[in-house]
Protein backbone atom coordinates (compact mmCIF):
# COMPACT_ATOMS: atom_id res chain seq x y z
CA UNK A 1 0.00 0.00 0.00
CA UNK A 2 1.22 3.47 -0.77
CA UNK A 3 1.70 6.11 1.88
CA UNK A 4 -1.35 8.01 0.65
CA UNK A 5 -3.51 4.89 0.81
CA UNK A 6 -2.32 4.19 4.35
CA UNK A 7 -3.09 7.76 5.43
CA UNK A 8 -6.49 7.51 3.79
CA UNK A 9 -7.28 4.32 5.74
CA UNK A 10 -6.08 5.92 8.97
CA UNK A 11 -8.32 8.94 8.44
CA UNK A 12 -11.22 6.66 7.59
CA UNK A 13 -10.76 4.73 10.85
CA UNK A 14 -10.45 7.97 12.81
CA UNK A 15 -13.63 9.30 11.22
CA UNK A 16 -15.47 6.05 12.00
CA UNK A 17 -14.36 6.16 15.63
CA UNK A 18 -15.46 9.76 15.95
CA UNK A 19 -18.82 8.95 14.34
CA UNK A 20 -19.34 6.10 16.82
CA UNK A 21 -18.39 8.38 19.72
CA UNK A 22 -20.77 11.05 18.44
CA UNK A 23 -23.63 8.58 18.06
CA UNK A 24 -22.97 7.26 21.56
CA UNK A 25 -23.13 10.78 22.98
CA UNK A 26 -26.36 11.46 21.10
CA UNK A 27 -27.90 8.34 22.68
CA UNK A 28 -26.65 9.38 26.12
CA UNK A 29 -28.14 12.84 25.59
CA UNK A 30 -31.52 11.29 24.76
CA UNK A 31 -31.39 9.17 27.93
CA UNK A 32 -30.48 12.21 30.03
CA UNK A 33 -33.26 14.24 28.47
CA UNK A 34 -35.75 11.48 29.31
CA UNK A 35 -34.46 11.37 32.88
CA UNK A 36 -34.72 15.15 33.12
CA UNK A 37 -38.31 15.12 31.89
CA UNK A 38 -39.24 12.30 34.27
CA UNK A 39 -37.62 14.09 37.21
CA UNK A 40 -39.39 17.32 36.29
CA UNK A 41 -42.76 15.51 36.15
CA UNK A 42 -42.10 13.91 39.55
CA UNK A 43 -41.13 17.29 41.00
CA UNK A 44 -44.25 18.95 39.63
CA UNK A 45 -46.42 16.18 41.08
CA UNK A 46 -44.77 16.39 44.52
CA UNK A 47 -44.88 20.17 44.45
CA UNK A 48 -48.60 20.09 43.64
CA UNK A 49 -49.15 17.69 46.54
CA UNK A 50 -47.19 20.01 48.81
CA UNK A 51 -49.22 23.03 47.73
CA UNK A 52 -52.42 21.08 48.35
CA UNK A 53 -51.27 20.16 51.85
CA UNK A 54 -50.26 23.75 52.59
CA UNK A 55 -53.75 24.86 51.57
CA UNK A 56 -55.30 22.21 53.83
CA UNK A 57 -53.13 23.36 56.73
CA UNK A 58 -54.14 26.96 56.10
CA UNK A 59 -57.82 25.97 56.03
CA UNK A 60 -57.40 23.96 59.22
CA UNK A 61 -55.59 26.80 60.96
CA UNK A 62 -58.18 29.22 59.66
CA UNK A 63 -60.92 27.15 61.26
CA UNK A 64 -59.00 26.82 64.51
CA UNK A 65 -58.12 30.50 64.85
CA UNK A 66 -61.70 31.73 65.34
CA UNK A 67 -62.31 28.96 67.88
CA UNK A 68 -59.18 30.04 69.75
CA UNK A 69 -60.34 33.64 69.68
CA UNK A 70 -63.74 32.73 71.10
CA UNK A 71 -62.17 30.66 73.89
CA UNK A 72 -59.86 33.48 74.88
């Protein structure tokens, strides 16, 4: 094989390795994006539950405050 043919094969192998690395990173990015979206959905659900509980506590305290005022 001539020097140019050898260099051409080397560059081809390098390009293939880089393409494989790139494709692997694209797949990893997709997985991370899915994890991010799942975590965000879980957060939003838990946050909504928290807000609901805070509202219930406020309602409960609101009901208790007038009773406390009457007792005093």
